Amino acid sequence: MSKERVAELIGDPDFSRLDYTKGPKEKWLGSTWTYWLRKRDSGVNVYDPCLEISFWTNDRAQWIVPSNIEGLKEKGSPYIWGGP
Protein backbone atom coordinates (compact mmCIF):
# COMPACT_ATOMS: atom_id res chain seq x y z
CA MET A 1 0.00 0.00 0.00
CA SER A 2 1.31 3.48 -0.82
CA LYS A 3 1.87 6.30 1.68
CA GLU A 4 -0.81 8.25 -0.16
CA ARG A 5 -3.37 5.48 0.34
CA VAL A 6 -2.45 5.04 4.02
CA ALA A 7 -2.94 8.79 4.56
CA GLU A 8 -6.31 8.62 2.76
CA LEU A 9 -7.46 5.79 5.02
CA ILE A 10 -6.17 6.85 8.44
CA GLY A 11 -4.88 10.41 8.04
CA ASP A 12 -1.51 12.03 8.53
CA PRO A 13 0.81 10.40 11.09
CA ASP A 14 1.44 11.79 14.55
CA PHE A 15 5.18 11.29 13.99
CA SER A 16 7.34 10.61 10.93
CA ARG A 17 11.04 9.77 10.56
CA LEU A 18 13.52 8.84 7.85
CA ASP A 19 15.34 5.53 8.39
CA TYR A 20 19.02 4.93 7.54
CA THR A 21 21.57 2.16 8.00
CA LYS A 22 24.23 2.84 10.62
CA GLY A 23 27.90 3.31 9.92
CA PRO A 24 30.17 5.40 7.72
CA LYS A 25 28.30 4.55 4.50
CA GLU A 26 24.76 5.43 5.48
CA LYS A 27 22.06 4.21 3.14
CA TRP A 28 18.48 5.49 3.14
CA LEU A 29 16.10 2.63 3.88
CA GLY A 30 12.78 4.46 3.77
CA SER A 31 10.63 6.05 6.44
CA THR A 32 8.35 5.19 9.34
CA TRP A 33 5.05 6.74 10.36
CA THR A 34 3.66 6.45 13.89
CA TYR A 35 0.03 6.84 14.90
CA TRP A 36 -0.89 7.03 18.61
CA LEU A 37 -4.42 5.86 19.23
CA ARG A 38 -4.44 7.16 22.79
CA LYS A 39 -1.85 8.87 24.97
CA ARG A 40 -1.89 8.76 28.76
CA ASP A 41 0.00 12.05 29.07
CA SER A 42 2.02 14.47 26.94
CA GLY A 43 5.13 12.25 26.86
CA VAL A 44 5.68 8.97 25.02
CA ASN A 45 4.71 5.89 27.01
CA VAL A 46 5.57 2.35 25.81
CA TYR A 47 2.13 1.20 27.00
CA ASP A 48 0.19 3.64 24.81
CA PRO A 49 -1.58 1.91 21.90
CA CYS A 50 0.09 2.87 18.64
CA LEU A 51 0.61 1.75 15.07
CA GLU A 52 3.93 2.04 13.21
CA ILE A 53 4.09 1.68 9.44
CA SER A 54 7.50 1.39 7.77
CA PHE A 55 7.78 2.28 4.09
CA TRP A 56 10.45 1.37 1.54
CA THR A 57 12.21 4.09 -0.45
CA ASN A 58 9.46 3.65 -3.09
CA ASP A 59 6.90 4.80 -0.46
CA ARG A 60 5.20 1.38 -0.27
CA ALA A 61 4.34 -0.08 3.15
CA GLN A 62 6.55 -3.04 4.02
CA TRP A 63 6.12 -3.51 7.80
CA ILE A 64 3.09 -2.68 9.95
CA VAL A 65 3.51 -3.05 13.69
CA PRO A 66 0.65 -2.52 16.16
CA SER A 67 1.63 -2.10 19.80
CA ASN A 68 -0.77 -2.60 22.69
CA ILE A 69 -3.76 -3.05 20.35
CA GLU A 70 -5.60 -6.24 21.20
CA GLY A 71 -6.40 -8.50 18.26
CA LEU A 72 -3.95 -6.94 15.77
CA LYS A 73 -0.73 -8.64 14.65
CA GLU A 74 2.27 -7.30 12.78
CA LYS A 75 2.32 -7.72 9.04
CA GLY A 76 5.30 -7.74 6.68
CA SER A 77 8.90 -7.69 7.83
CA PRO A 78 11.58 -5.23 8.90
CA TYR A 79 13.97 -3.62 6.46
CA ILE A 80 16.12 -6.11 4.55
CA TRP A 81 19.47 -5.08 3.06
CA GLY A 82 19.05 -4.26 -0.59
CA GLY A 83 15.48 -2.97 -0.43
CA PRO A 84 12.37 -4.19 -2.18
PDB file of N, CA and C in Angstrom:
ATOM      1  N   MET A   1       0.843  -1.163   0.000  1.00  0.00           N
ATOM      2  CA  MET A   1       0.000   0.000   0.000  1.00  0.00           C
ATOM      3  C   MET A   1       0.902   1.245   0.000  1.00  0.00           C
ATOM      4  N   SER A   2       0.505   2.252  -0.722  1.00  0.00           N
ATOM      5  CA  SER A   2       1.308   3.476  -0.819  1.00  0.00           C
ATOM      6  C   SER A   2       1.077   4.392   0.384  1.00  0.00           C
ATOM      7  N   LYS A   3       2.030   5.300   0.619  1.00  0.00           N
ATOM      8  CA  LYS A   3       1.869   6.299   1.677  1.00  0.00           C
ATOM      9  C   LYS A   3       0.601   7.111   1.448  1.00  0.00           C
ATOM     10  N   GLU A   4       0.375   7.460   0.178  1.00  0.00           N
ATOM     11  CA  GLU A   4      -0.806   8.254  -0.164  1.00  0.00           C
ATOM     12  C   GLU A   4      -2.089   7.541   0.257  1.00  0.00           C
ATOM     13  N   ARG A   5      -2.166   6.249  -0.010  1.00  0.00           N
ATOM     14  CA  ARG A   5      -3.365   5.476   0.344  1.00  0.00           C
ATOM     15  C   ARG A   5      -3.511   5.344   1.856  1.00  0.00           C
ATOM     16  N   VAL A   6      -2.407   5.120   2.564  1.00  0.00           N
ATOM     17  CA  VAL A   6      -2.451   5.038   4.022  1.00  0.00           C
ATOM     18  C   VAL A   6      -2.990   6.354   4.582  1.00  0.00           C
ATOM     19  N   ALA A   7      -2.480   7.478   4.090  1.00  0.00           N
ATOM     20  CA  ALA A   7      -2.938   8.793   4.562  1.00  0.00           C
ATOM     21  C   ALA A   7      -4.420   8.999   4.250  1.00  0.00           C
ATOM     22  N   GLU A   8      -4.889   8.519   3.093  1.00  0.00           N
ATOM     23  CA  GLU A   8      -6.313   8.622   2.762  1.00  0.00           C
ATOM     24  C   GLU A   8      -7.168   7.844   3.752  1.00  0.00           C
ATOM     25  N   LEU A   9      -6.685   6.660   4.146  1.00  0.00           N
ATOM     26  CA  LEU A   9      -7.462   5.786   5.018  1.00  0.00           C
ATOM     27  C   LEU A   9      -7.442   6.194   6.488  1.00  0.00           C
ATOM     28  N   ILE A  10      -6.261   6.576   6.997  1.00  0.00           N
ATOM     29  CA  ILE A  10      -6.173   6.848   8.444  1.00  0.00           C
ATOM     30  C   ILE A  10      -5.606   8.221   8.782  1.00  0.00           C
ATOM     31  N   GLY A  11      -5.331   9.047   7.786  1.00  0.00           N
ATOM     32  CA  GLY A  11      -4.882  10.411   8.044  1.00  0.00           C
ATOM     33  C   GLY A  11      -3.372  10.534   8.128  1.00  0.00           C
ATOM     34  N   ASP A  12      -2.946  11.756   8.376  1.00  0.00           N
ATOM     35  CA  ASP A  12      -1.512  12.030   8.525  1.00  0.00           C
ATOM     36  C   ASP A  12      -1.003  11.448   9.837  1.00  0.00           C
ATOM     37  N   PRO A  13       0.265  11.013   9.867  1.00  0.00           N
ATOM     38  CA  PRO A  13       0.808  10.399  11.094  1.00  0.00           C
ATOM     39  C   PRO A  13       1.031  11.443  12.189  1.00  0.00           C
ATOM     40  N   ASP A  14       1.097  10.939  13.413  1.00  0.00           N
ATOM     41  CA  ASP A  14       1.440  11.793  14.548  1.00  0.00           C
ATOM     42  C   ASP A  14       2.934  12.083  14.579  1.00  0.00           C
ATOM     43  N   PHE A  15       3.723  11.157  14.007  1.00  0.00           N
ATOM     44  CA  PHE A  15       5.178  11.294  13.988  1.00  0.00           C
ATOM     45  C   PHE A  15       5.703  10.610  12.731  1.00  0.00           C
ATOM     46  N   SER A  16       6.732  11.184  12.120  1.00  0.00           N
ATOM     47  CA  SER A  16       7.341  10.611  10.928  1.00  0.00           C
ATOM     48  C   SER A  16       8.852  10.724  11.034  1.00  0.00           C
ATOM     49  N   ARG A  17       9.570   9.706  10.556  1.00  0.00           N
ATOM     50  CA  ARG A  17      11.038   9.767  10.562  1.00  0.00           C
ATOM     51  C   ARG A  17      11.588   9.087   9.323  1.00  0.00           C
ATOM     52  N   LEU A  18      12.789   9.505   8.925  1.00  0.00           N
ATOM     53  CA  LEU A  18      13.516   8.837   7.845  1.00  0.00           C
ATOM     54  C   LEU A  18      14.418   7.795   8.472  1.00  0.00           C
ATOM     55  N   ASP A  19      14.544   6.632   7.851  1.00  0.00           N
ATOM     56  CA  ASP A  19      15.341   5.529   8.392  1.00  0.00           C
ATOM     57  C   ASP A  19      16.576   5.292   7.533  1.00  0.00           C
ATOM     58  N   TYR A  20      17.732   5.138   8.202  1.00  0.00           N
ATOM     59  CA  TYR A  20      19.020   4.930   7.541  1.00  0.00           C
ATOM     60  C   TYR A  20      19.740   3.753   8.172  1.00  0.00           C
ATOM     61  N   THR A  21      20.677   3.147   7.409  1.00  0.00           N
ATOM     62  CA  THR A  21      21.569   2.164   8.001  1.00  0.00           C
ATOM     63  C   THR A  21      22.537   2.921   8.892  1.00  0.00           C
ATOM     64  N   LYS A  22      23.226   2.213   9.750  1.00  0.00           N
ATOM     65  CA  LYS A  22      24.230   2.836  10.620  1.00  0.00           C
ATOM     66  C   LYS A  22      25.617   2.603  10.039  1.00  0.00           C
ATOM     67  N   GLY A  23      26.539   3.481  10.372  1.00  0.00           N
ATOM     68  CA  GLY A  23      27.904   3.307   9.919  1.00  0.00           C
ATOM     69  C   GLY A  23      28.349   4.418   8.996  1.00  0.00           C
ATOM     70  N   PRO A  24      29.605   4.324   8.540  1.00  0.00           N
ATOM     71  CA  PRO A  24      30.172   5.397   7.723  1.00  0.00           C
ATOM     72  C   PRO A  24      29.520   5.538   6.348  1.00  0.00           C
ATOM     73  N   LYS A  25      28.954   4.474   5.818  1.00  0.00           N
ATOM     74  CA  LYS A  25      28.302   4.547   4.498  1.00  0.00           C
ATOM     75  C   LYS A  25      26.795   4.413   4.678  1.00  0.00           C
ATOM     76  N   GLU A  26      26.195   5.465   5.241  1.00  0.00           N
ATOM     77  CA  GLU A  26      24.756   5.427   5.476  1.00  0.00           C
ATOM     78  C   GLU A  26      23.995   5.215   4.179  1.00  0.00           C
ATOM     79  N   LYS A  27      22.926   4.453   4.281  1.00  0.00           N
ATOM     80  CA  LYS A  27      22.057   4.211   3.137  1.00  0.00           C
ATOM     81  C   LYS A  27      20.621   4.455   3.596  1.00  0.00           C
ATOM     82  N   TRP A  28      19.874   5.219   2.805  1.00  0.00           N
ATOM     83  CA  TRP A  28      18.483   5.493   3.137  1.00  0.00           C
ATOM     84  C   TRP A  28      17.660   4.238   2.928  1.00  0.00           C
ATOM     85  N   LEU A  29      16.914   3.831   3.943  1.00  0.00           N
ATOM     86  CA  LEU A  29      16.096   2.627   3.877  1.00  0.00           C
ATOM     87  C   LEU A  29      14.639   2.925   3.563  1.00  0.00           C
ATOM     88  N   GLY A  30      14.182   4.102   3.938  1.00  0.00           N
ATOM     89  CA  GLY A  30      12.781   4.463   3.768  1.00  0.00           C
ATOM     90  C   GLY A  30      12.359   5.372   4.895  1.00  0.00           C
ATOM     91  N   SER A  31      11.136   5.207   5.361  1.00  0.00           N
ATOM     92  CA  SER A  31      10.626   6.054   6.437  1.00  0.00           C
ATOM     93  C   SER A  31       9.618   5.279   7.272  1.00  0.00           C
ATOM     94  N   THR A  32       9.325   5.814   8.438  1.00  0.00           N
ATOM     95  CA  THR A  32       8.350   5.190   9.337  1.00  0.00           C
ATOM     96  C   THR A  32       7.381   6.244   9.828  1.00  0.00           C
ATOM     97  N   TRP A  33       6.104   5.890   9.807  1.00  0.00           N
ATOM     98  CA  TRP A  33       5.054   6.740  10.358  1.00  0.00           C
ATOM     99  C   TRP A  33       4.528   6.094  11.627  1.00  0.00           C
ATOM    100  N   THR A  34       4.231   6.931  12.637  1.00  0.00           N
ATOM    101  CA  THR A  34       3.662   6.449  13.890  1.00  0.00           C
ATOM    102  C   THR A  34       2.331   7.149  14.143  1.00  0.00           C
ATOM    103  N   TYR A  35       1.343   6.347  14.511  1.00  0.00           N
ATOM    104  CA  TYR A  35       0.026   6.844  14.902  1.00  0.00           C
ATOM    105  C   TYR A  35      -0.224   6.415  16.344  1.00  0.00           C
ATOM    106  N   TRP A  36      -0.502   7.365  17.240  1.00  0.00           N
ATOM    107  CA  TRP A  36      -0.889   7.033  18.611  1.00  0.00           C
ATOM    108  C   TRP A  36      -2.405   7.043  18.681  1.00  0.00           C
ATOM    109  N   LEU A  37      -2.977   5.938  19.128  1.00  0.00           N
ATOM    110  CA  LEU A  37      -4.423   5.858  19.231  1.00  0.00           C
ATOM    111  C   LEU A  37      -4.931   6.531  20.497  1.00  0.00           C
ATOM    112  N   ARG A  38      -4.104   6.508  21.522  1.00  0.00           N
ATOM    113  CA  ARG A  38      -4.438   7.163  22.790  1.00  0.00           C
ATOM    114  C   ARG A  38      -3.141   7.402  23.537  1.00  0.00           C
ATOM    115  N   LYS A  39      -3.026   8.563  24.170  1.00  0.00           N
ATOM    116  CA  LYS A  39      -1.847   8.871  24.972  1.00  0.00           C
ATOM    117  C   LYS A  39      -2.290   9.139  26.404  1.00  0.00           C
ATOM    118  N   ARG A  40      -1.543   8.608  27.341  1.00  0.00           N
ATOM    119  CA  ARG A  40      -1.889   8.759  28.755  1.00  0.00           C
ATOM    120  C   ARG A  40      -1.471  10.114  29.308  1.00  0.00           C
ATOM    121  N   ASP A  41      -0.431  10.704  28.699  1.00  0.00           N
ATOM    122  CA  ASP A  41       0.000  12.047  29.070  1.00  0.00           C
ATOM    123  C   ASP A  41       0.735  12.647  27.882  1.00  0.00           C
ATOM    124  N   SER A  42       1.386  13.776  28.062  1.00  0.00           N
ATOM    125  CA  SER A  42       2.016  14.470  26.935  1.00  0.00           C
ATOM    126  C   SER A  42       3.295  13.788  26.448  1.00  0.00           C
ATOM    127  N   GLY A  43       3.908  12.947  27.260  1.00  0.00           N
ATOM    128  CA  GLY A  43       5.128  12.249  26.858  1.00  0.00           C
ATOM    129  C   GLY A  43       4.813  10.906  26.213  1.00  0.00           C
ATOM    130  N   VAL A  44       5.840  10.302  25.623  1.00  0.00           N
ATOM    131  CA  VAL A  44       5.684   8.970  25.019  1.00  0.00           C
ATOM    132  C   VAL A  44       5.700   7.922  26.119  1.00  0.00           C
ATOM    133  N   ASN A  45       4.810   6.962  26.026  1.00  0.00           N
ATOM    134  CA  ASN A  45       4.709   5.894  27.005  1.00  0.00           C
ATOM    135  C   ASN A  45       4.658   4.573  26.228  1.00  0.00           C
ATOM    136  N   VAL A  46       5.512   3.617  26.559  1.00  0.00           N
ATOM    137  CA  VAL A  46       5.570   2.351  25.814  1.00  0.00           C
ATOM    138  C   VAL A  46       4.277   1.548  25.918  1.00  0.00           C
ATOM    139  N   TYR A  47       3.394   1.916  26.840  1.00  0.00           N
ATOM    140  CA  TYR A  47       2.131   1.195  26.998  1.00  0.00           C
ATOM    141  C   TYR A  47       0.987   1.831  26.210  1.00  0.00           C
ATOM    142  N   ASP A  48       1.224   2.990  25.611  1.00  0.00           N
ATOM    143  CA  ASP A  48       0.191   3.638  24.808  1.00  0.00           C
ATOM    144  C   ASP A  48      -0.054   2.827  23.534  1.00  0.00           C
ATOM    145  N   PRO A  49      -1.314   2.631  23.139  1.00  0.00           N
ATOM    146  CA  PRO A  49      -1.583   1.913  21.899  1.00  0.00           C
ATOM    147  C   PRO A  49      -1.154   2.754  20.699  1.00  0.00           C
ATOM    148  N   CYS A  50      -0.370   2.143  19.824  1.00  0.00           N
ATOM    149  CA  CYS A  50       0.090   2.871  18.640  1.00  0.00           C
ATOM    150  C   CYS A  50       0.264   1.908  17.473  1.00  0.00           C
ATOM    151  N   LEU A  51       0.407   2.503  16.291  1.00  0.00           N
ATOM    152  CA  LEU A  51       0.608   1.753  15.068  1.00  0.00           C
ATOM    153  C   LEU A  51       1.780   2.379  14.335  1.00  0.00           C
ATOM    154  N   GLU A  52       2.787   1.563  13.996  1.00  0.00           N
ATOM    155  CA  GLU A  52       3.927   2.038  13.212  1.00  0.00           C
ATOM    156  C   GLU A  52       3.890   1.377  11.843  1.00  0.00           C
ATOM    157  N   ILE A  53       4.068   2.186  10.812  1.00  0.00           N
ATOM    158  CA  ILE A  53       4.092   1.681   9.445  1.00  0.00           C
ATOM    159  C   ILE A  53       5.409   2.107   8.815  1.00  0.00           C
ATOM    160  N   SER A  54       6.223   1.120   8.425  1.00  0.00           N
ATOM    161  CA  SER A  54       7.499   1.394   7.770  1.00  0.00           C
ATOM    162  C   SER A  54       7.319   1.270   6.266  1.00  0.00           C
ATOM    163  N   PHE A  55       7.886   2.232   5.542  1.00  0.00           N
ATOM    164  CA  PHE A  55       7.784   2.281   4.090  1.00  0.00           C
ATOM    165  C   PHE A  55       9.159   2.136   3.464  1.00  0.00           C
ATOM    166  N   TRP A  56       9.230   1.432   2.321  1.00  0.00           N
ATOM    167  CA  TRP A  56      10.455   1.366   1.536  1.00  0.00           C
ATOM    168  C   TRP A  56      10.734   2.728   0.913  1.00  0.00           C
ATOM    169  N   THR A  57      11.855   2.844   0.233  1.00  0.00           N
ATOM    170  CA  THR A  57      12.212   4.087  -0.454  1.00  0.00           C
ATOM    171  C   THR A  57      11.239   4.395  -1.595  1.00  0.00           C
ATOM    172  N   ASN A  58      10.465   3.418  -2.038  1.00  0.00           N
ATOM    173  CA  ASN A  58       9.464   3.646  -3.087  1.00  0.00           C
ATOM    174  C   ASN A  58       8.108   4.051  -2.497  1.00  0.00           C
ATOM    175  N   ASP A  59       8.099   4.352  -1.186  1.00  0.00           N
ATOM    176  CA  ASP A  59       6.895   4.796  -0.461  1.00  0.00           C
ATOM    177  C   ASP A  59       5.788   3.746  -0.402  1.00  0.00           C
ATOM    178  N   ARG A  60       6.160   2.474  -0.433  1.00  0.00           N
ATOM    179  CA  ARG A  60       5.200   1.384  -0.272  1.00  0.00           C
ATOM    180  C   ARG A  60       5.389   0.772   1.118  1.00  0.00           C
ATOM    181  N   ALA A  61       4.277   0.515   1.817  1.00  0.00           N
ATOM    182  CA  ALA A  61       4.338  -0.078   3.153  1.00  0.00           C
ATOM    183  C   ALA A  61       4.990  -1.452   3.075  1.00  0.00           C
ATOM    184  N   GLN A  62       5.915  -1.721   4.005  1.00  0.00           N
ATOM    185  CA  GLN A  62       6.551  -3.035   4.021  1.00  0.00           C
ATOM    186  C   GLN A  62       6.530  -3.691   5.398  1.00  0.00           C
ATOM    187  N   TRP A  63       6.195  -2.922   6.456  1.00  0.00           N
ATOM    188  CA  TRP A  63       6.118  -3.513   7.801  1.00  0.00           C
ATOM    189  C   TRP A  63       5.136  -2.701   8.618  1.00  0.00           C
ATOM    190  N   ILE A  64       4.101  -3.342   9.133  1.00  0.00           N
ATOM    191  CA  ILE A  64       3.088  -2.679   9.945  1.00  0.00           C
ATOM    192  C   ILE A  64       3.105  -3.329  11.315  1.00  0.00           C
ATOM    193  N   VAL A  65       3.336  -2.512  12.342  1.00  0.00           N
ATOM    194  CA  VAL A  65       3.511  -3.049  13.692  1.00  0.00           C
ATOM    195  C   VAL A  65       2.558  -2.361  14.672  1.00  0.00           C
ATOM    196  N   PRO A  66       1.500  -3.066  15.104  1.00  0.00           N
ATOM    197  CA  PRO A  66       0.645  -2.515  16.155  1.00  0.00           C
ATOM    198  C   PRO A  66       1.252  -2.825  17.523  1.00  0.00           C
ATOM    199  N   SER A  67       1.144  -1.888  18.428  1.00  0.00           N
ATOM    200  CA  SER A  67       1.632  -2.097  19.799  1.00  0.00           C
ATOM    201  C   SER A  67       0.493  -1.794  20.769  1.00  0.00           C
ATOM    202  N   ASN A  68       0.256  -2.753  21.657  1.00  0.00           N
ATOM    203  CA  ASN A  68      -0.765  -2.599  22.686  1.00  0.00           C
ATOM    204  C   ASN A  68      -2.155  -2.393  22.097  1.00  0.00           C
ATOM    205  N   ILE A  69      -2.434  -3.079  20.973  1.00  0.00           N
ATOM    206  CA  ILE A  69      -3.755  -3.046  20.350  1.00  0.00           C
ATOM    207  C   ILE A  69      -4.227  -4.496  20.255  1.00  0.00           C
ATOM    208  N   GLU A  70      -5.139  -4.858  21.121  1.00  0.00           N
ATOM    209  CA  GLU A  70      -5.601  -6.242  21.198  1.00  0.00           C
ATOM    210  C   GLU A  70      -6.216  -6.699  19.879  1.00  0.00           C
ATOM    211  N   GLY A  71      -5.840  -7.898  19.451  1.00  0.00           N
ATOM    212  CA  GLY A  71      -6.404  -8.499  18.257  1.00  0.00           C
ATOM    213  C   GLY A  71      -5.657  -8.194  16.966  1.00  0.00           C
ATOM    214  N   LEU A  72      -4.717  -7.251  16.979  1.00  0.00           N
ATOM    215  CA  LEU A  72      -3.954  -6.945  15.770  1.00  0.00           C
ATOM    216  C   LEU A  72      -2.561  -7.549  15.858  1.00  0.00           C
ATOM    217  N   LYS A  73      -2.068  -8.043  14.726  1.00  0.00           N
ATOM    218  CA  LYS A  73      -0.732  -8.637  14.651  1.00  0.00           C
ATOM    219  C   LYS A  73       0.093  -7.895  13.625  1.00  0.00           C
ATOM    220  N   GLU A  74       1.408  -7.968  13.768  1.00  0.00           N
ATOM    221  CA  GLU A  74       2.267  -7.303  12.784  1.00  0.00           C
ATOM    222  C   GLU A  74       2.154  -7.997  11.433  1.00  0.00           C
ATOM    223  N   LYS A  75       2.407  -7.204  10.402  1.00  0.00           N
ATOM    224  CA  LYS A  75       2.319  -7.719   9.038  1.00  0.00           C
ATOM    225  C   LYS A  75       3.532  -7.231   8.274  1.00  0.00           C
ATOM    226  N   GLY A  76       4.099  -8.083   7.435  1.00  0.00           N
ATOM    227  CA  GLY A  76       5.298  -7.742   6.681  1.00  0.00           C
ATOM    228  C   GLY A  76       6.538  -8.094   7.473  1.00  0.00           C
ATOM    229  N   SER A  77       7.642  -7.427   7.143  1.00  0.00           N
ATOM    230  CA  SER A  77       8.899  -7.694   7.833  1.00  0.00           C
ATOM    231  C   SER A  77       9.738  -6.435   7.872  1.00  0.00           C
ATOM    232  N   PRO A  78      10.711  -6.400   8.800  1.00  0.00           N
ATOM    233  CA  PRO A  78      11.577  -5.228   8.897  1.00  0.00           C
ATOM    234  C   PRO A  78      12.420  -5.049   7.640  1.00  0.00           C
ATOM    235  N   TYR A  79      13.105  -3.915   7.591  1.00  0.00           N
ATOM    236  CA  TYR A  79      13.970  -3.618   6.455  1.00  0.00           C
ATOM    237  C   TYR A  79      14.967  -4.751   6.220  1.00  0.00           C
ATOM    238  N   ILE A  80      15.152  -5.089   4.956  1.00  0.00           N
ATOM    239  CA  ILE A  80      16.123  -6.110   4.550  1.00  0.00           C
ATOM    240  C   ILE A  80      17.150  -5.418   3.675  1.00  0.00           C
ATOM    241  N   TRP A  81      18.423  -5.702   3.866  1.00  0.00           N
ATOM    242  CA  TRP A  81      19.470  -5.082   3.063  1.00  0.00           C
ATOM    243  C   TRP A  81      19.143  -5.255   1.589  1.00  0.00           C
ATOM    244  N   GLY A  82      19.288  -4.199   0.847  1.00  0.00           N
ATOM    245  CA  GLY A  82      19.051  -4.258  -0.587  1.00  0.00           C
ATOM    246  C   GLY A  82      17.716  -3.722  -1.023  1.00  0.00           C
ATOM    247  N   GLY A  83      16.769  -3.563  -0.090  1.00  0.00           N
ATOM    248  CA  GLY A  83      15.480  -2.965  -0.433  1.00  0.00           C
ATOM    249  C   GLY A  83      14.521  -3.928  -1.099  1.00  0.00           C
ATOM    250  N   PRO A  84      13.444  -3.369  -1.638  1.00  0.00           N
ATOM    251  CA  PRO A  84      12.366  -4.194  -2.180  1.00  0.00           C
ATOM    252  C   PRO A  84      12.783  -4.962  -3.433  1.00  0.00           C
TER     253      PRO A  84
END
